[in-house]
């Protein structure tokens, strides 16, 4: 036991795995979950996340916020789409006019006007190191 005490503290410290860490604050309520979809190309962005996204995470909401951590992601250009799936049906609910009734958001502050933003509008460069992003949902 004395031998372990003489090891430098750095031996026991664990460095966090590099990745893209996404904070989603101010979620309307704790119902359902948050889906975070990471895309590496324009194919299917953002609506076809089940078929086209590189990585998808479903996260439980706690205290009106969520956090998605994409680890071991190679360097490159990516875009994120996030939805608050309140009714847990795996898609963004809309009204009869096609206007979303659940929260949604995109990386790089990309906005949806008459349609979803392009991959290019939501894209960001990732170097392979830790990257912290915040995506605020629109309701």
C-alpha atoms as a PDB file:
ATOM      1  CA  UNK A   1       0.000   0.000   0.000  1.00  0.00           C
ATOM      2  CA  UNK A   2       2.838   2.382   0.795  1.00  0.00           C
ATOM      3  CA  UNK A   3       4.199   1.749  -2.678  1.00  0.00           C
ATOM      4  CA  UNK A   4       0.979   3.065  -4.290  1.00  0.00           C
ATOM      5  CA  UNK A   5       1.145   6.213  -2.188  1.00  0.00           C
ATOM      6  CA  UNK A   6       4.508   7.106  -3.704  1.00  0.00           C
ATOM      7  CA  UNK A   7       3.203   7.111  -7.311  1.00  0.00           C
ATOM      8  CA  UNK A   8       2.655  10.579  -8.692  1.00  0.00           C
ATOM      9  CA  UNK A   9      -0.983  11.693  -8.722  1.00  0.00           C
ATOM     10  CA  UNK A  10      -0.827  12.034 -12.494  1.00  0.00           C
ATOM     11  CA  UNK A  11      -0.741   8.240 -12.870  1.00  0.00           C
ATOM     12  CA  UNK A  12      -4.271   8.051 -11.464  1.00  0.00           C
ATOM     13  CA  UNK A  13      -5.678  11.009 -13.389  1.00  0.00           C
ATOM     14  CA  UNK A  14      -7.697  10.077 -16.445  1.00  0.00           C
ATOM     15  CA  UNK A  15      -7.788  12.435 -19.368  1.00  0.00           C
ATOM     16  CA  UNK A  16     -11.190  12.809 -20.998  1.00  0.00           C
ATOM     17  CA  UNK A  17     -11.594  11.158 -24.371  1.00  0.00           C
ATOM     18  CA  UNK A  18     -11.461  13.764 -27.152  1.00  0.00           C
ATOM     19  CA  UNK A  19     -14.816  14.425 -28.732  1.00  0.00           C
ATOM     20  CA  UNK A  20     -17.605  16.775 -29.648  1.00  0.00           C
ATOM     21  CA  UNK A  21     -19.522  17.736 -26.506  1.00  0.00           C
ATOM     22  CA  UNK A  22     -22.938  19.313 -27.115  1.00  0.00           C
ATOM     23  CA  UNK A  23     -24.883  21.107 -24.384  1.00  0.00           C
ATOM     24  CA  UNK A  24     -28.606  21.680 -24.949  1.00  0.00           C
ATOM     25  CA  UNK A  25     -29.901  24.184 -22.335  1.00  0.00           C
ATOM     26  CA  UNK A  26     -33.362  25.632 -21.665  1.00  0.00           C
ATOM     27  CA  UNK A  27     -35.423  22.692 -22.917  1.00  0.00           C
ATOM     28  CA  UNK A  28     -39.148  23.441 -22.643  1.00  0.00           C
ATOM     29  CA  UNK A  29     -39.881  20.478 -20.363  1.00  0.00           C
ATOM     30  CA  UNK A  30     -38.503  17.100 -19.260  1.00  0.00           C
ATOM     31  CA  UNK A  31     -40.937  15.080 -21.398  1.00  0.00           C
ATOM     32  CA  UNK A  32     -39.476  12.620 -23.885  1.00  0.00           C
ATOM     33  CA  UNK A  33     -35.832  12.796 -24.866  1.00  0.00           C
ATOM     34  CA  UNK A  34     -33.374  14.753 -26.979  1.00  0.00           C
ATOM     35  CA  UNK A  35     -32.037  13.262 -30.197  1.00  0.00           C
ATOM     36  CA  UNK A  36     -28.624  14.495 -31.362  1.00  0.00           C
ATOM     37  CA  UNK A  37     -27.603  13.533 -34.894  1.00  0.00           C
ATOM     38  CA  UNK A  38     -24.049  14.097 -36.167  1.00  0.00           C
ATOM     39  CA  UNK A  39     -23.644  14.222 -39.965  1.00  0.00           C
ATOM     40  CA  UNK A  40     -20.392  14.108 -41.931  1.00  0.00           C
ATOM     41  CA  UNK A  41     -21.965  14.921 -45.313  1.00  0.00           C
ATOM     42  CA  UNK A  42     -25.001  16.711 -46.759  1.00  0.00           C
ATOM     43  CA  UNK A  43     -26.681  13.369 -47.574  1.00  0.00           C
ATOM     44  CA  UNK A  44     -29.936  13.268 -45.616  1.00  0.00           C
ATOM     45  CA  UNK A  45     -29.182  16.329 -43.469  1.00  0.00           C
ATOM     46  CA  UNK A  46     -31.101  16.990 -41.291  1.00  0.00           C
ATOM     47  CA  UNK A  47     -34.353  15.084 -41.800  1.00  0.00           C
ATOM     48  CA  UNK A  48     -33.072  11.582 -42.564  1.00  0.00           C
ATOM     49  CA  UNK A  49     -30.986  11.213 -39.417  1.00  0.00           C
ATOM     50  CA  UNK A  50     -31.946   7.565 -38.836  1.00  0.00           C
ATOM     51  CA  UNK A  51     -30.567   6.613 -42.253  1.00  0.00           C
ATOM     52  CA  UNK A  52     -27.850   9.182 -42.908  1.00  0.00           C
ATOM     53  CA  UNK A  53     -26.309  10.440 -39.672  1.00  0.00           C
ATOM     54  CA  UNK A  54     -22.821   9.260 -38.748  1.00  0.00           C
ATOM     55  CA  UNK A  55     -23.744   9.064 -35.049  1.00  0.00           C
ATOM     56  CA  UNK A  56     -27.071   9.362 -33.231  1.00  0.00           C
ATOM     57  CA  UNK A  57     -27.681   9.743 -29.511  1.00  0.00           C
ATOM     58  CA  UNK A  58     -30.950   9.701 -27.595  1.00  0.00           C
ATOM     59  CA  UNK A  59     -30.493  11.447 -24.258  1.00  0.00           C
ATOM     60  CA  UNK A  60     -32.834  11.756 -21.294  1.00  0.00           C
ATOM     61  CA  UNK A  61     -33.615  15.324 -20.246  1.00  0.00           C
ATOM     62  CA  UNK A  62     -32.694  16.332 -16.712  1.00  0.00           C
ATOM     63  CA  UNK A  63     -33.515  19.705 -15.194  1.00  0.00           C
ATOM     64  CA  UNK A  64     -34.518  21.101 -18.617  1.00  0.00           C
ATOM     65  CA  UNK A  65     -31.139  20.366 -20.191  1.00  0.00           C
ATOM     66  CA  UNK A  66     -29.261  17.569 -21.948  1.00  0.00           C
ATOM     67  CA  UNK A  67     -25.730  16.825 -23.088  1.00  0.00           C
ATOM     68  CA  UNK A  68     -24.611  14.693 -26.029  1.00  0.00           C
ATOM     69  CA  UNK A  69     -21.008  13.497 -26.109  1.00  0.00           C
ATOM     70  CA  UNK A  70     -19.674  12.141 -29.389  1.00  0.00           C
ATOM     71  CA  UNK A  71     -16.347  10.462 -28.610  1.00  0.00           C
ATOM     72  CA  UNK A  72     -13.537   9.174 -30.842  1.00  0.00           C
ATOM     73  CA  UNK A  73     -14.706  11.206 -33.838  1.00  0.00           C
ATOM     74  CA  UNK A  74     -12.094  11.631 -36.576  1.00  0.00           C
ATOM     75  CA  UNK A  75     -11.168  15.161 -37.668  1.00  0.00           C
ATOM     76  CA  UNK A  76     -13.354  16.553 -40.416  1.00  0.00           C
ATOM     77  CA  UNK A  77     -16.321  18.728 -41.254  1.00  0.00           C
ATOM     78  CA  UNK A  78     -19.588  17.917 -39.505  1.00  0.00           C
ATOM     79  CA  UNK A  79     -23.069  19.311 -38.851  1.00  0.00           C
ATOM     80  CA  UNK A  80     -25.448  18.612 -35.969  1.00  0.00           C
ATOM     81  CA  UNK A  81     -29.224  18.440 -35.843  1.00  0.00           C
ATOM     82  CA  UNK A  82     -30.958  18.233 -32.454  1.00  0.00           C
ATOM     83  CA  UNK A  83     -34.643  17.636 -31.713  1.00  0.00           C
ATOM     84  CA  UNK A  84     -36.673  17.504 -28.517  1.00  0.00           C
ATOM     85  CA  UNK A  85     -38.684  14.356 -29.177  1.00  0.00           C
ATOM     86  CA  UNK A  86     -41.405  15.021 -26.608  1.00  0.00           C
ATOM     87  CA  UNK A  87     -43.715  12.234 -27.792  1.00  0.00           C
ATOM     88  CA  UNK A  88     -40.881   9.694 -28.295  1.00  0.00           C
ATOM     89  CA  UNK A  89     -41.849   8.800 -31.876  1.00  0.00           C
ATOM     90  CA  UNK A  90     -38.331   9.194 -33.303  1.00  0.00           C
ATOM     91  CA  UNK A  91     -39.083  12.205 -35.496  1.00  0.00           C
ATOM     92  CA  UNK A  92     -39.792  15.920 -35.335  1.00  0.00           C
ATOM     93  CA  UNK A  93     -43.547  16.391 -34.921  1.00  0.00           C
ATOM     94  CA  UNK A  94     -45.200  19.029 -37.105  1.00  0.00           C
ATOM     95  CA  UNK A  95     -48.666  20.518 -37.449  1.00  0.00           C
ATOM     96  CA  UNK A  96     -50.880  20.227 -40.555  1.00  0.00           C
ATOM     97  CA  UNK A  97     -48.906  23.035 -42.240  1.00  0.00           C
ATOM     98  CA  UNK A  98     -45.589  21.284 -41.627  1.00  0.00           C
ATOM     99  CA  UNK A  99     -44.489  23.718 -38.890  1.00  0.00           C
ATOM    100  CA  UNK A 100     -42.561  21.909 -36.118  1.00  0.00           C
ATOM    101  CA  UNK A 101     -44.410  21.480 -32.827  1.00  0.00           C
ATOM    102  CA  UNK A 102     -41.349  20.082 -31.017  1.00  0.00           C
ATOM    103  CA  UNK A 103     -38.039  21.824 -30.361  1.00  0.00           C
ATOM    104  CA  UNK A 104     -35.205  21.703 -32.903  1.00  0.00           C
ATOM    105  CA  UNK A 105     -31.776  23.248 -33.354  1.00  0.00           C
ATOM    106  CA  UNK A 106     -28.657  23.087 -35.495  1.00  0.00           C
ATOM    107  CA  UNK A 107     -24.934  23.617 -35.095  1.00  0.00           C
ATOM    108  CA  UNK A 108     -23.226  26.862 -36.082  1.00  0.00           C
ATOM    109  CA  UNK A 109     -26.376  28.815 -35.251  1.00  0.00           C
ATOM    110  CA  UNK A 110     -27.977  27.714 -38.528  1.00  0.00           C
ATOM    111  CA  UNK A 111     -31.615  28.783 -38.722  1.00  0.00           C
ATOM    112  CA  UNK A 112     -34.616  27.159 -40.337  1.00  0.00           C
ATOM    113  CA  UNK A 113     -36.650  29.705 -42.260  1.00  0.00           C
ATOM    114  CA  UNK A 114     -39.018  28.208 -44.822  1.00  0.00           C
ATOM    115  CA  UNK A 115     -37.163  24.890 -44.633  1.00  0.00           C
ATOM    116  CA  UNK A 116     -34.339  23.222 -42.738  1.00  0.00           C
ATOM    117  CA  UNK A 117     -30.884  24.775 -43.163  1.00  0.00           C
ATOM    118  CA  UNK A 118     -28.322  23.230 -45.485  1.00  0.00           C
ATOM    119  CA  UNK A 119     -25.443  21.081 -44.286  1.00  0.00           C
ATOM    120  CA  UNK A 120     -23.098  23.904 -45.276  1.00  0.00           C
ATOM    121  CA  UNK A 121     -24.980  26.442 -43.114  1.00  0.00           C
ATOM    122  CA  UNK A 122     -24.768  24.140 -40.056  1.00  0.00           C
ATOM    123  CA  UNK A 123     -21.288  22.746 -40.692  1.00  0.00           C
ATOM    124  CA  UNK A 124     -18.262  23.190 -38.459  1.00  0.00           C
ATOM    125  CA  UNK A 125     -14.677  21.993 -38.560  1.00  0.00           C
ATOM    126  CA  UNK A 126     -13.528  19.473 -35.972  1.00  0.00           C
ATOM    127  CA  UNK A 127      -9.782  19.037 -35.317  1.00  0.00           C
ATOM    128  CA  UNK A 128      -9.984  15.820 -33.300  1.00  0.00           C
ATOM    129  CA  UNK A 129      -9.528  17.600 -29.963  1.00  0.00           C
ATOM    130  CA  UNK A 130     -12.238  18.428 -27.417  1.00  0.00           C
ATOM    131  CA  UNK A 131     -14.877  20.737 -28.871  1.00  0.00           C
ATOM    132  CA  UNK A 132     -17.658  22.183 -26.703  1.00  0.00           C
ATOM    133  CA  UNK A 133     -20.809  23.369 -28.482  1.00  0.00           C
ATOM    134  CA  UNK A 134     -24.121  24.751 -27.234  1.00  0.00           C
ATOM    135  CA  UNK A 135     -27.273  24.310 -29.298  1.00  0.00           C
ATOM    136  CA  UNK A 136     -30.398  26.169 -28.251  1.00  0.00           C
ATOM    137  CA  UNK A 137     -33.702  24.698 -29.352  1.00  0.00           C
ATOM    138  CA  UNK A 138     -36.374  26.637 -31.225  1.00  0.00           C
ATOM    139  CA  UNK A 139     -40.013  25.969 -30.333  1.00  0.00           C
END
